[in-house]
Each structure stands twice: as C-alpha cells, then as structure tokens.
Amino acid sequence: MRKCAKDIAKTILSVSLHAMEKMLIKTSCRVKSERQKFILQGNCANNMHKDIVKCSQNNIKTITAINKNSTKSNTKIPLMCCSQIQWKNCVVGEANKRVGGMCTAANVDYLDMYFEKAMLDPMNIFCADYQDSDKCDTLMRQLPTTDSIRLKYATLFPALIELFESL
C-alpha cells in the first residue's frame, strides 16, 4: 500500500482494507461459528462465480468511467459510492435469482450482510447520503455507458487508487 497510493488515497484505502481484513480474517476465519457460516456459502457463491466476475468487471469499468469523465472532484466520491452500491446490488441480485436452486434466502442475507460489513461500512463515512437509489440514479446518468470501456484492471483497488489520487 505504501508504494501504491499516496495521501488521501492511502488513508481511504487503508481504512477500507482494515475493515475487510477484520471481516474476512479476524471474523470469518478465526471465529468457529462465523467460519462455518462462511463455508456454508460455498455452493451458492461457486454457482454464481461468473456473475460475480461480471458484476465486478462492470464496477471496475464504472470506476474507470468516473475517472475519465468526471472532471469535478466533488462528484467523484458520490459516483464511486453509487458504483459500489450498484456492485453490491448486482451480486446480491444474482444470488436472489438462484434462491430455490443453488442459493437459499439465508445465502442472500449473508451475502448482503457481508458486503455491508466488509465494504460499505468503512465507506459510510463518504457514502451515507447515497444509500438512496434515486440520488444514485440521478448521479449515474452523468456517466457514459461502460460498454465501450476496456477493462484496465483485473481488480477494484487499482481503479480506486487512481480515483482517489485524482481528487
């Protein structure tokens, strides 16, 4: 992280990574009951792997579109918040489509909670005002479609670093 990001980007990503580490490692791996809950998600998550990748790639493309097309730094954070909420809704929506098949309602609830705790909780400092989908719908209309955007990164963090460093 020290070599990848500077200033505000480093601070924001450090807080987010700490929250994800706490959720993923300290809770999901070390606490036996939480580890068992995490493992129970395997069939559902494995079944929707391609759709999770698609949702994630769309999120990375959206962050790239924000970087390329939003010249006002005061709109970049709200757009990023809305992008992250769209990502979560995409993944949870894919799980919902599989309820009754490879996923259960409990899988969907767990996935929703997991996104909230690991990703959106640390971002609530910036994103609390954008949980309302109407605000996000209005904001996201500012961006061009992401269909023509080539995937620049395989994971989200380089795109976020680029966004935060452009503030």
Protein backbone atom coordinates (compact mmCIF):
# COMPACT_ATOMS: atom_id res chain seq x y z
CA MET A 1 0.00 0.00 0.00
CA ARG A 2 2.85 2.40 0.82
CA LYS A 3 4.18 2.14 -2.71
CA CYS A 4 0.82 2.08 -4.50
CA ALA A 5 -1.01 5.07 -3.06
CA LYS A 6 -0.32 8.49 -1.63
CA ASP A 7 -2.04 10.96 0.69
CA ILE A 8 -5.85 10.71 0.76
CA ALA A 9 -5.94 7.58 -1.41
CA LYS A 10 -3.65 5.79 1.02
CA THR A 11 -5.75 6.83 4.03
CA ILE A 12 -9.09 5.89 2.50
CA LEU A 13 -7.89 2.55 1.20
CA SER A 14 -6.12 1.73 4.48
CA VAL A 15 -9.39 2.17 6.38
CA SER A 16 -11.27 0.06 3.83
CA LEU A 17 -8.65 -2.68 3.78
CA HIS A 18 -8.58 -2.78 7.57
CA ALA A 19 -12.36 -3.27 7.67
CA MET A 20 -12.18 -6.01 5.04
CA GLU A 21 -9.31 -7.72 6.85
CA LYS A 22 -11.25 -7.59 10.11
CA MET A 23 -14.32 -9.05 8.43
CA LEU A 24 -12.56 -11.65 6.31
CA ILE A 25 -9.76 -12.85 8.52
CA LYS A 26 -10.50 -11.98 12.10
CA THR A 27 -14.19 -12.80 11.99
CA SER A 28 -14.85 -15.24 9.15
CA CYS A 29 -11.73 -17.34 9.66
CA ARG A 30 -10.98 -17.28 13.37
CA VAL A 31 -14.43 -17.43 14.97
CA LYS A 32 -15.64 -21.01 14.56
CA SER A 33 -19.35 -20.24 14.18
CA GLU A 34 -18.60 -17.48 11.64
CA ARG A 35 -16.19 -19.75 9.75
CA GLN A 36 -18.94 -22.37 9.46
CA LYS A 37 -21.41 -19.75 8.16
CA PHE A 38 -18.81 -18.59 5.65
CA ILE A 39 -18.15 -22.12 4.39
CA LEU A 40 -21.89 -22.75 4.01
CA GLN A 41 -21.97 -20.01 1.35
CA GLY A 42 -19.69 -22.03 -0.94
CA ASN A 43 -22.29 -23.77 -3.14
CA CYS A 44 -24.15 -20.56 -3.82
CA ALA A 45 -21.02 -18.46 -4.38
CA ASN A 46 -19.35 -21.06 -6.59
CA ASN A 47 -22.50 -21.40 -8.68
CA MET A 48 -22.63 -17.66 -9.33
CA HIS A 49 -18.88 -17.15 -9.85
CA LYS A 50 -19.24 -15.99 -13.48
CA ASP A 51 -21.91 -13.47 -12.50
CA ILE A 52 -19.82 -12.18 -9.58
CA VAL A 53 -16.95 -11.63 -12.03
CA LYS A 54 -19.31 -9.84 -14.44
CA CYS A 55 -20.66 -7.58 -11.66
CA SER A 56 -17.11 -6.85 -10.51
CA GLN A 57 -15.89 -6.05 -14.01
CA ASN A 58 -18.83 -3.69 -14.52
CA ASN A 59 -17.92 -1.97 -11.26
CA ILE A 60 -14.30 -1.54 -12.36
CA LYS A 61 -15.49 -0.13 -15.70
CA THR A 62 -17.77 2.31 -13.87
CA ILE A 63 -14.91 3.49 -11.66
CA THR A 64 -12.83 3.90 -14.84
CA ALA A 65 -15.66 5.94 -16.40
CA ILE A 66 -15.76 8.14 -13.30
CA ASN A 67 -12.01 8.71 -13.58
CA LYS A 68 -12.22 9.54 -17.27
CA ASN A 69 -15.40 11.59 -17.40
CA SER A 70 -15.93 13.31 -14.07
CA THR A 71 -13.81 16.41 -14.01
CA LYS A 72 -15.32 17.76 -10.81
CA SER A 73 -13.66 16.12 -7.81
CA ASN A 74 -16.74 16.85 -5.68
CA THR A 75 -18.77 14.40 -7.82
CA LYS A 76 -16.22 11.59 -7.91
CA ILE A 77 -16.83 10.33 -4.37
CA PRO A 78 -20.65 10.27 -4.70
CA LEU A 79 -20.33 8.50 -8.06
CA MET A 80 -17.91 5.99 -6.53
CA CYS A 81 -20.35 5.39 -3.66
CA CYS A 82 -23.16 4.74 -6.11
CA SER A 83 -20.93 2.41 -8.12
CA GLN A 84 -20.13 0.36 -5.02
CA ILE A 85 -23.82 0.17 -4.12
CA GLN A 86 -24.63 -0.95 -7.68
CA TRP A 87 -21.93 -3.62 -7.41
CA LYS A 88 -23.39 -4.96 -4.17
CA ASN A 89 -26.91 -4.89 -5.63
CA CYS A 90 -25.70 -6.72 -8.75
CA VAL A 91 -24.09 -9.55 -6.76
CA VAL A 92 -26.96 -9.86 -4.27
CA GLY A 93 -29.42 -9.73 -7.18
CA GLU A 94 -27.66 -12.64 -8.87
CA ALA A 95 -27.89 -14.63 -5.64
CA ASN A 96 -31.60 -13.78 -5.39
CA LYS A 97 -32.15 -15.23 -8.88
CA ARG A 98 -30.83 -18.56 -7.60
CA VAL A 99 -33.00 -18.84 -4.48
CA GLY A 100 -34.72 -22.20 -4.64
CA GLY A 101 -31.85 -23.60 -6.69
CA MET A 102 -28.21 -23.34 -5.62
CA CYS A 103 -28.84 -20.46 -3.20
CA THR A 104 -31.08 -20.05 -0.22
CA ALA A 105 -32.61 -16.91 1.25
CA ALA A 106 -30.06 -17.31 4.06
CA ASN A 107 -27.23 -17.19 1.47
CA VAL A 108 -28.64 -13.95 0.08
CA ASP A 109 -28.94 -12.43 3.55
CA TYR A 110 -25.38 -13.45 4.41
CA LEU A 111 -24.02 -12.03 1.16
CA ASP A 112 -25.88 -8.76 1.72
CA MET A 113 -24.52 -8.52 5.29
CA TYR A 114 -21.03 -9.42 4.09
CA PHE A 115 -20.97 -6.59 1.58
CA GLU A 116 -22.27 -4.16 4.18
CA LYS A 117 -19.70 -5.12 6.80
CA ALA A 118 -16.66 -5.61 4.58
CA MET A 119 -17.13 -2.86 2.03
CA LEU A 120 -19.88 -0.39 2.69
CA ASP A 121 -19.40 0.11 6.45
CA PRO A 122 -15.97 1.75 6.06
CA MET A 123 -17.28 3.75 3.13
CA ASN A 124 -20.26 5.09 5.08
CA ILE A 125 -18.03 7.98 6.11
CA PHE A 126 -18.36 9.14 2.50
CA CYS A 127 -21.39 7.29 1.24
CA ALA A 128 -24.11 7.60 3.89
CA ASP A 129 -26.05 10.14 1.80
CA TYR A 130 -26.11 7.88 -1.25
CA GLN A 131 -27.89 4.81 0.07
CA ASP A 132 -31.00 6.28 -1.57
CA SER A 133 -31.25 4.79 -5.05
CA ASP A 134 -32.94 7.89 -6.53
CA LYS A 135 -29.86 10.01 -5.74
CA CYS A 136 -27.62 7.40 -7.32
CA ASP A 137 -29.81 7.00 -10.38
CA THR A 138 -29.61 10.74 -11.00
CA LEU A 139 -25.85 10.84 -10.45
CA MET A 140 -25.04 7.78 -12.52
CA ARG A 141 -26.86 9.21 -15.55
CA GLN A 142 -23.94 11.67 -15.82
CA LEU A 143 -21.64 8.87 -16.92
CA PRO A 144 -21.45 7.42 -20.41
CA THR A 145 -22.30 3.76 -20.83
CA THR A 146 -19.50 1.45 -19.84
CA ASP A 147 -19.94 -0.86 -22.83
CA SER A 148 -17.10 0.75 -24.76
CA ILE A 149 -14.72 0.94 -21.79
CA ARG A 150 -11.92 -1.59 -21.90
CA LEU A 151 -11.16 -3.29 -18.64
CA LYS A 152 -7.94 -1.66 -17.47
CA TYR A 153 -7.56 -3.55 -14.18
CA ALA A 154 -8.43 -7.08 -13.07
CA THR A 155 -9.28 -5.96 -9.53
CA LEU A 156 -11.02 -2.98 -7.98
CA PHE A 157 -8.25 -1.46 -5.87
CA PRO A 158 -6.03 -0.06 -8.65
CA ALA A 159 -9.07 1.71 -10.13
CA LEU A 160 -9.97 3.11 -6.70
CA ILE A 161 -6.40 4.26 -6.10
CA GLU A 162 -6.49 6.07 -9.43
CA LEU A 163 -9.81 7.70 -8.49
CA PHE A 164 -8.69 8.81 -5.03
CA GLU A 165 -5.40 10.16 -6.31
CA SER A 166 -7.27 12.29 -8.82
CA LEU A 167 -9.12 14.18 -6.08
